[in-house]
Amino acid sequence: MASTTTIPVSKNAIITILKDLPENILAEVFWETFVTYDDSPPTESEKKSIDKAKEEFKKRETVKWRDIR
Protein backbone atom coordinates (compact mmCIF):
# COMPACT_ATOMS: atom_id res chain seq x y z
CA MET A 1 0.00 0.00 0.00
CA ALA A 2 1.29 3.45 -0.90
CA SER A 3 2.00 5.83 1.94
CA THR A 4 0.28 9.17 2.10
CA THR A 5 1.42 12.52 3.39
CA THR A 6 -0.81 15.32 4.59
CA ILE A 7 0.23 18.80 3.54
CA PRO A 8 -1.47 21.83 5.11
CA VAL A 9 -2.90 24.06 2.37
CA SER A 10 -5.08 27.10 2.92
CA LYS A 11 -8.56 27.26 1.48
CA ASN A 12 -7.58 30.34 -0.53
CA ALA A 13 -4.65 28.47 -2.09
CA ILE A 14 -6.95 25.62 -3.15
CA ILE A 15 -9.46 28.06 -4.61
CA THR A 16 -6.71 29.83 -6.57
CA ILE A 17 -5.45 26.51 -7.94
CA LEU A 18 -8.99 25.46 -8.95
CA LYS A 19 -9.67 28.80 -10.65
CA ASP A 20 -6.50 28.45 -12.70
CA LEU A 21 -7.42 24.98 -14.02
CA PRO A 22 -8.84 24.59 -17.53
CA GLU A 23 -12.57 23.88 -17.46
CA ASN A 24 -12.21 20.27 -18.65
CA ILE A 25 -9.74 19.46 -15.85
CA LEU A 26 -11.92 21.26 -13.28
CA ALA A 27 -14.86 19.11 -14.36
CA GLU A 28 -12.75 15.96 -13.92
CA VAL A 29 -11.70 17.08 -10.43
CA PHE A 30 -15.36 17.71 -9.56
CA TRP A 31 -16.49 14.28 -10.75
CA GLU A 32 -13.63 12.43 -9.08
CA THR A 33 -14.24 14.30 -5.82
CA PHE A 34 -18.02 14.33 -5.48
CA VAL A 35 -19.50 11.60 -7.66
CA THR A 36 -19.71 8.00 -6.54
CA TYR A 37 -20.20 5.11 -8.90
CA ASP A 38 -22.68 2.30 -8.45
CA ASP A 39 -22.60 -0.65 -10.86
CA SER A 40 -25.78 -2.24 -9.57
CA PRO A 41 -28.92 -2.15 -11.74
CA PRO A 42 -30.97 1.02 -11.20
CA THR A 43 -33.87 0.88 -8.78
CA GLU A 44 -37.37 1.94 -9.84
CA SER A 45 -36.82 5.27 -8.08
CA GLU A 46 -33.55 5.81 -9.94
CA LYS A 47 -35.20 4.92 -13.26
CA LYS A 48 -37.89 7.55 -12.60
CA SER A 49 -35.22 10.13 -11.75
CA ILE A 50 -33.34 9.33 -14.96
CA ASP A 51 -36.53 9.66 -17.03
CA LYS A 52 -37.31 12.97 -15.33
CA ALA A 53 -33.77 14.24 -16.02
CA LYS A 54 -34.04 13.26 -19.67
CA GLU A 55 -37.32 15.16 -19.99
CA GLU A 56 -35.83 18.22 -18.30
CA PHE A 57 -32.88 18.04 -20.69
CA LYS A 58 -35.23 17.90 -23.70
CA LYS A 59 -37.08 20.96 -22.37
CA ARG A 60 -33.76 22.75 -21.71
CA GLU A 61 -34.55 22.93 -18.00
CA THR A 62 -31.08 21.82 -16.95
CA VAL A 63 -28.21 23.89 -15.57
CA LYS A 64 -24.91 24.15 -17.42
CA TRP A 65 -21.69 23.47 -15.54
CA ARG A 66 -20.33 26.95 -16.22
CA ASP A 67 -23.50 28.54 -14.81
CA ILE A 68 -22.95 27.02 -11.35
CA ARG A 69 -19.41 28.27 -11.07
PDB file of N, CA and C in Angstrom:
ATOM      1  N   MET A   1       0.840  -1.195   0.000  1.00  0.00           N
ATOM      2  CA  MET A   1       0.000   0.000   0.000  1.00  0.00           C
ATOM      3  C   MET A   1       0.876   1.247   0.000  1.00  0.00           C
ATOM      4  N   ALA A   2       0.518   2.219  -0.802  1.00  0.00           N
ATOM      5  CA  ALA A   2       1.293   3.452  -0.901  1.00  0.00           C
ATOM      6  C   ALA A   2       1.086   4.299   0.344  1.00  0.00           C
ATOM      7  N   SER A   3       2.128   4.945   0.777  1.00  0.00           N
ATOM      8  CA  SER A   3       2.002   5.826   1.936  1.00  0.00           C
ATOM      9  C   SER A   3       1.443   7.168   1.486  1.00  0.00           C
ATOM     10  N   THR A   4       0.823   7.859   2.411  1.00  0.00           N
ATOM     11  CA  THR A   4       0.276   9.175   2.105  1.00  0.00           C
ATOM     12  C   THR A   4       0.875  10.201   3.044  1.00  0.00           C
ATOM     13  N   THR A   5       0.916  11.421   2.592  1.00  0.00           N
ATOM     14  CA  THR A   5       1.420  12.520   3.387  1.00  0.00           C
ATOM     15  C   THR A   5       0.384  13.630   3.355  1.00  0.00           C
ATOM     16  N   THR A   6       0.119  14.204   4.506  1.00  0.00           N
ATOM     17  CA  THR A   6      -0.809  15.323   4.594  1.00  0.00           C
ATOM     18  C   THR A   6      -0.016  16.623   4.560  1.00  0.00           C
ATOM     19  N   ILE A   7      -0.427  17.514   3.681  1.00  0.00           N
ATOM     20  CA  ILE A   7       0.235  18.805   3.544  1.00  0.00           C
ATOM     21  C   ILE A   7      -0.794  19.888   3.851  1.00  0.00           C
ATOM     22  N   PRO A   8      -0.508  20.761   4.822  1.00  0.00           N
ATOM     23  CA  PRO A   8      -1.472  21.830   5.115  1.00  0.00           C
ATOM     24  C   PRO A   8      -1.508  22.845   3.961  1.00  0.00           C
ATOM     25  N   VAL A   9      -2.708  23.099   3.459  1.00  0.00           N
ATOM     26  CA  VAL A   9      -2.899  24.058   2.369  1.00  0.00           C
ATOM     27  C   VAL A   9      -4.106  24.917   2.726  1.00  0.00           C
ATOM     28  N   SER A  10      -3.968  26.211   2.573  1.00  0.00           N
ATOM     29  CA  SER A  10      -5.079  27.099   2.915  1.00  0.00           C
ATOM     30  C   SER A  10      -6.208  26.965   1.906  1.00  0.00           C
ATOM     31  N   LYS A  11      -7.391  27.287   2.359  1.00  0.00           N
ATOM     32  CA  LYS A  11      -8.561  27.262   1.478  1.00  0.00           C
ATOM     33  C   LYS A  11      -8.367  28.215   0.299  1.00  0.00           C
ATOM     34  N   ASN A  12      -7.809  29.368   0.556  1.00  0.00           N
ATOM     35  CA  ASN A  12      -7.584  30.341  -0.528  1.00  0.00           C
ATOM     36  C   ASN A  12      -6.620  29.802  -1.566  1.00  0.00           C
ATOM     37  N   ALA A  13      -5.603  29.053  -1.135  1.00  0.00           N
ATOM     38  CA  ALA A  13      -4.651  28.473  -2.089  1.00  0.00           C
ATOM     39  C   ALA A  13      -5.350  27.444  -2.970  1.00  0.00           C
ATOM     40  N   ILE A  14      -6.205  26.630  -2.375  1.00  0.00           N
ATOM     41  CA  ILE A  14      -6.950  25.623  -3.145  1.00  0.00           C
ATOM     42  C   ILE A  14      -7.870  26.304  -4.152  1.00  0.00           C
ATOM     43  N   ILE A  15      -8.555  27.341  -3.714  1.00  0.00           N
ATOM     44  CA  ILE A  15      -9.465  28.064  -4.608  1.00  0.00           C
ATOM     45  C   ILE A  15      -8.691  28.674  -5.772  1.00  0.00           C
ATOM     46  N   THR A  16      -7.539  29.241  -5.504  1.00  0.00           N
ATOM     47  CA  THR A  16      -6.710  29.825  -6.566  1.00  0.00           C
ATOM     48  C   THR A  16      -6.286  28.754  -7.562  1.00  0.00           C
ATOM     49  N   ILE A  17      -5.857  27.615  -7.050  1.00  0.00           N
ATOM     50  CA  ILE A  17      -5.453  26.514  -7.936  1.00  0.00           C
ATOM     51  C   ILE A  17      -6.629  26.087  -8.810  1.00  0.00           C
ATOM     52  N   LEU A  18      -7.808  25.897  -8.200  1.00  0.00           N
ATOM     53  CA  LEU A  18      -8.986  25.462  -8.950  1.00  0.00           C
ATOM     54  C   LEU A  18      -9.383  26.482 -10.008  1.00  0.00           C
ATOM     55  N   LYS A  19      -9.312  27.755  -9.684  1.00  0.00           N
ATOM     56  CA  LYS A  19      -9.675  28.799 -10.650  1.00  0.00           C
ATOM     57  C   LYS A  19      -8.724  28.837 -11.836  1.00  0.00           C
ATOM     58  N   ASP A  20      -7.490  28.425 -11.617  1.00  0.00           N
ATOM     59  CA  ASP A  20      -6.502  28.447 -12.699  1.00  0.00           C
ATOM     60  C   ASP A  20      -6.575  27.221 -13.604  1.00  0.00           C
ATOM     61  N   LEU A  21      -7.332  26.202 -13.213  1.00  0.00           N
ATOM     62  CA  LEU A  21      -7.417  24.982 -14.019  1.00  0.00           C
ATOM     63  C   LEU A  21      -8.285  25.204 -15.257  1.00  0.00           C
ATOM     64  N   PRO A  22      -7.951  24.554 -16.357  1.00  0.00           N
ATOM     65  CA  PRO A  22      -8.838  24.590 -17.525  1.00  0.00           C
ATOM     66  C   PRO A  22     -10.177  23.928 -17.160  1.00  0.00           C
ATOM     67  N   GLU A  23     -11.233  24.359 -17.808  1.00  0.00           N
ATOM     68  CA  GLU A  23     -12.571  23.880 -17.459  1.00  0.00           C
ATOM     69  C   GLU A  23     -12.697  22.356 -17.530  1.00  0.00           C
ATOM     70  N   ASN A  24     -12.081  21.724 -18.531  1.00  0.00           N
ATOM     71  CA  ASN A  24     -12.209  20.271 -18.646  1.00  0.00           C
ATOM     72  C   ASN A  24     -11.538  19.553 -17.468  1.00  0.00           C
ATOM     73  N   ILE A  25     -10.416  20.065 -16.994  1.00  0.00           N
ATOM     74  CA  ILE A  25      -9.740  19.461 -15.847  1.00  0.00           C
ATOM     75  C   ILE A  25     -10.543  19.726 -14.571  1.00  0.00           C
ATOM     76  N   LEU A  26     -11.089  20.926 -14.447  1.00  0.00           N
ATOM     77  CA  LEU A  26     -11.915  21.259 -13.284  1.00  0.00           C
ATOM     78  C   LEU A  26     -13.124  20.331 -13.203  1.00  0.00           C
ATOM     79  N   ALA A  27     -13.729  20.040 -14.340  1.00  0.00           N
ATOM     80  CA  ALA A  27     -14.865  19.113 -14.357  1.00  0.00           C
ATOM     81  C   ALA A  27     -14.430  17.722 -13.911  1.00  0.00           C
ATOM     82  N   GLU A  28     -13.254  17.269 -14.354  1.00  0.00           N
ATOM     83  CA  GLU A  28     -12.749  15.962 -13.925  1.00  0.00           C
ATOM     84  C   GLU A  28     -12.516  15.932 -12.417  1.00  0.00           C
ATOM     85  N   VAL A  29     -11.943  16.999 -11.878  1.00  0.00           N
ATOM     86  CA  VAL A  29     -11.704  17.080 -10.435  1.00  0.00           C
ATOM     87  C   VAL A  29     -13.036  17.003  -9.693  1.00  0.00           C
ATOM     88  N   PHE A  30     -14.028  17.733 -10.183  1.00  0.00           N
ATOM     89  CA  PHE A  30     -15.359  17.715  -9.560  1.00  0.00           C
ATOM     90  C   PHE A  30     -15.915  16.294  -9.529  1.00  0.00           C
ATOM     91  N   TRP A  31     -15.921  15.616 -10.680  1.00  0.00           N
ATOM     92  CA  TRP A  31     -16.494  14.279 -10.745  1.00  0.00           C
ATOM     93  C   TRP A  31     -15.745  13.292  -9.871  1.00  0.00           C
ATOM     94  N   GLU A  32     -14.415  13.359  -9.879  1.00  0.00           N
ATOM     95  CA  GLU A  32     -13.632  12.425  -9.080  1.00  0.00           C
ATOM     96  C   GLU A  32     -13.754  12.695  -7.581  1.00  0.00           C
ATOM     97  N   THR A  33     -14.116  13.928  -7.223  1.00  0.00           N
ATOM     98  CA  THR A  33     -14.236  14.296  -5.820  1.00  0.00           C
ATOM     99  C   THR A  33     -15.632  14.030  -5.259  1.00  0.00           C
ATOM    100  N   PHE A  34     -16.668  14.339  -6.018  1.00  0.00           N
ATOM    101  CA  PHE A  34     -18.020  14.331  -5.477  1.00  0.00           C
ATOM    102  C   PHE A  34     -18.947  13.244  -5.995  1.00  0.00           C
ATOM    103  N   VAL A  35     -18.592  12.570  -7.060  1.00  0.00           N
ATOM    104  CA  VAL A  35     -19.499  11.599  -7.660  1.00  0.00           C
ATOM    105  C   VAL A  35     -19.052  10.187  -7.305  1.00  0.00           C
ATOM    106  N   THR A  36     -19.998   9.403  -6.828  1.00  0.00           N
ATOM    107  CA  THR A  36     -19.705   8.002  -6.536  1.00  0.00           C
ATOM    108  C   THR A  36     -20.329   7.143  -7.631  1.00  0.00           C
ATOM    109  N   TYR A  37     -19.736   5.996  -7.845  1.00  0.00           N
ATOM    110  CA  TYR A  37     -20.200   5.109  -8.900  1.00  0.00           C
ATOM    111  C   TYR A  37     -20.862   3.889  -8.292  1.00  0.00           C
ATOM    112  N   ASP A  38     -21.928   3.457  -8.912  1.00  0.00           N
ATOM    113  CA  ASP A  38     -22.682   2.296  -8.451  1.00  0.00           C
ATOM    114  C   ASP A  38     -22.977   1.439  -9.681  1.00  0.00           C
ATOM    115  N   ASP A  39     -22.425   0.232  -9.703  1.00  0.00           N
ATOM    116  CA  ASP A  39     -22.595  -0.654 -10.859  1.00  0.00           C
ATOM    117  C   ASP A  39     -23.850  -1.514 -10.788  1.00  0.00           C
ATOM    118  N   SER A  40     -24.579  -1.409  -9.695  1.00  0.00           N
ATOM    119  CA  SER A  40     -25.778  -2.237  -9.572  1.00  0.00           C
ATOM    120  C   SER A  40     -26.875  -1.727 -10.502  1.00  0.00           C
ATOM    121  N   PRO A  41     -27.816  -2.592 -10.872  1.00  0.00           N
ATOM    122  CA  PRO A  41     -28.921  -2.147 -11.738  1.00  0.00           C
ATOM    123  C   PRO A  41     -29.716  -1.040 -11.048  1.00  0.00           C
ATOM    124  N   PRO A  42     -30.214  -0.078 -11.823  1.00  0.00           N
ATOM    125  CA  PRO A  42     -30.969   1.017 -11.204  1.00  0.00           C
ATOM    126  C   PRO A  42     -32.274   0.535 -10.567  1.00  0.00           C
ATOM    127  N   THR A  43     -32.604   1.165  -9.445  1.00  0.00           N
ATOM    128  CA  THR A  43     -33.873   0.877  -8.778  1.00  0.00           C
ATOM    129  C   THR A  43     -34.996   1.573  -9.546  1.00  0.00           C
ATOM    130  N   GLU A  44     -36.221   1.278  -9.194  1.00  0.00           N
ATOM    131  CA  GLU A  44     -37.366   1.938  -9.843  1.00  0.00           C
ATOM    132  C   GLU A  44     -37.307   3.448  -9.610  1.00  0.00           C
ATOM    133  N   SER A  45     -36.941   3.845  -8.400  1.00  0.00           N
ATOM    134  CA  SER A  45     -36.825   5.266  -8.078  1.00  0.00           C
ATOM    135  C   SER A  45     -35.760   5.931  -8.934  1.00  0.00           C
ATOM    136  N   GLU A  46     -34.618   5.267  -9.108  1.00  0.00           N
ATOM    137  CA  GLU A  46     -33.546   5.808  -9.942  1.00  0.00           C
ATOM    138  C   GLU A  46     -33.978   5.897 -11.402  1.00  0.00           C
ATOM    139  N   LYS A  47     -34.704   4.892 -11.875  1.00  0.00           N
ATOM    140  CA  LYS A  47     -35.199   4.924 -13.258  1.00  0.00           C
ATOM    141  C   LYS A  47     -36.117   6.121 -13.476  1.00  0.00           C
ATOM    142  N   LYS A  48     -36.985   6.402 -12.492  1.00  0.00           N
ATOM    143  CA  LYS A  48     -37.886   7.551 -12.598  1.00  0.00           C
ATOM    144  C   LYS A  48     -37.092   8.855 -12.616  1.00  0.00           C
ATOM    145  N   SER A  49     -36.058   8.925 -11.786  1.00  0.00           N
ATOM    146  CA  SER A  49     -35.223  10.128 -11.754  1.00  0.00           C
ATOM    147  C   SER A  49     -34.496  10.330 -13.077  1.00  0.00           C
ATOM    148  N   ILE A  50     -34.026   9.252 -13.666  1.00  0.00           N
ATOM    149  CA  ILE A  50     -33.344   9.330 -14.962  1.00  0.00           C
ATOM    150  C   ILE A  50     -34.309   9.807 -16.032  1.00  0.00           C
ATOM    151  N   ASP A  51     -35.516   9.239 -16.047  1.00  0.00           N
ATOM    152  CA  ASP A  51     -36.525   9.658 -17.027  1.00  0.00           C
ATOM    153  C   ASP A  51     -36.867  11.134 -16.856  1.00  0.00           C
ATOM    154  N   LYS A  52     -37.007  11.563 -15.605  1.00  0.00           N
ATOM    155  CA  LYS A  52     -37.315  12.970 -15.333  1.00  0.00           C
ATOM    156  C   LYS A  52     -36.177  13.866 -15.834  1.00  0.00           C
ATOM    157  N   ALA A  53     -34.930  13.456 -15.569  1.00  0.00           N
ATOM    158  CA  ALA A  53     -33.774  14.241 -16.015  1.00  0.00           C
ATOM    159  C   ALA A  53     -33.726  14.335 -17.535  1.00  0.00           C
ATOM    160  N   LYS A  54     -34.034  13.240 -18.206  1.00  0.00           N
ATOM    161  CA  LYS A  54     -34.037  13.256 -19.674  1.00  0.00           C
ATOM    162  C   LYS A  54     -35.094  14.222 -20.200  1.00  0.00           C
ATOM    163  N   GLU A  55     -36.263  14.236 -19.584  1.00  0.00           N
ATOM    164  CA  GLU A  55     -37.322  15.159 -19.994  1.00  0.00           C
ATOM    165  C   GLU A  55     -36.900  16.604 -19.756  1.00  0.00           C
ATOM    166  N   GLU A  56     -36.295  16.864 -18.594  1.00  0.00           N
ATOM    167  CA  GLU A  56     -35.829  18.217 -18.298  1.00  0.00           C
ATOM    168  C   GLU A  56     -34.777  18.650 -19.310  1.00  0.00           C
ATOM    169  N   PHE A  57     -33.912  17.723 -19.699  1.00  0.00           N
ATOM    170  CA  PHE A  57     -32.882  18.039 -20.691  1.00  0.00           C
ATOM    171  C   PHE A  57     -33.527  18.404 -22.024  1.00  0.00           C
ATOM    172  N   LYS A  58     -34.528  17.618 -22.441  1.00  0.00           N
ATOM    173  CA  LYS A  58     -35.226  17.899 -23.705  1.00  0.00           C
ATOM    174  C   LYS A  58     -35.885  19.277 -23.675  1.00  0.00           C
ATOM    175  N   LYS A  59     -36.397  19.671 -22.510  1.00  0.00           N
ATOM    176  CA  LYS A  59     -37.078  20.962 -22.366  1.00  0.00           C
ATOM    177  C   LYS A  59     -36.101  22.101 -22.050  1.00  0.00           C
ATOM    178  N   ARG A  60     -34.804  21.775 -22.033  1.00  0.00           N
ATOM    179  CA  ARG A  60     -33.760  22.753 -21.706  1.00  0.00           C
ATOM    180  C   ARG A  60     -33.943  23.331 -20.313  1.00  0.00           C
ATOM    181  N   GLU A  61     -34.353  22.505 -19.384  1.00  0.00           N
ATOM    182  CA  GLU A  61     -34.553  22.930 -18.001  1.00  0.00           C
ATOM    183  C   GLU A  61     -33.374  22.534 -17.108  1.00  0.00           C
ATOM    184  N   THR A  62     -32.250  22.221 -17.714  1.00  0.00           N
ATOM    185  CA  THR A  62     -31.076  21.816 -16.949  1.00  0.00           C
ATOM    186  C   THR A  62     -30.153  23.012 -16.729  1.00  0.00           C
ATOM    187  N   VAL A  63     -29.166  22.836 -15.879  1.00  0.00           N
ATOM    188  CA  VAL A  63     -28.212  23.888 -15.572  1.00  0.00           C
ATOM    189  C   VAL A  63     -26.863  23.502 -16.158  1.00  0.00           C
ATOM    190  N   LYS A  64     -26.223  24.413 -16.847  1.00  0.00           N
ATOM    191  CA  LYS A  64     -24.910  24.151 -17.425  1.00  0.00           C
ATOM    192  C   LYS A  64     -23.838  24.280 -16.351  1.00  0.00           C
ATOM    193  N   TRP A  65     -22.800  23.461 -16.495  1.00  0.00           N
ATOM    194  CA  TRP A  65     -21.693  23.473 -15.540  1.00  0.00           C
ATOM    195  C   TRP A  65     -21.157  24.893 -15.321  1.00  0.00           C
ATOM    196  N   ARG A  66     -20.933  25.625 -16.380  1.00  0.00           N
ATOM    197  CA  ARG A  66     -20.326  26.948 -16.224  1.00  0.00           C
ATOM    198  C   ARG A  66     -21.259  27.921 -15.509  1.00  0.00           C
ATOM    199  N   ASP A  67     -22.563  27.656 -15.483  1.00  0.00           N
ATOM    200  CA  ASP A  67     -23.502  28.538 -14.813  1.00  0.00           C
ATOM    201  C   ASP A  67     -23.510  28.351 -13.291  1.00  0.00           C
ATOM    202  N   ILE A  68     -22.989  27.222 -12.807  1.00  0.00           N
ATOM    203  CA  ILE A  68     -22.955  27.022 -11.353  1.00  0.00           C
ATOM    204  C   ILE A  68     -21.639  27.477 -10.754  1.00  0.00           C
ATOM    205  N   ARG A  69     -20.690  27.781 -11.596  1.00  0.00           N
ATOM    206  CA  ARG A  69     -19.413  28.273 -11.067  1.00  0.00           C
ATOM    207  C   ARG A  69     -19.626  29.660 -10.670  1.00  0.00           C
TER     208      ARG A  69
END
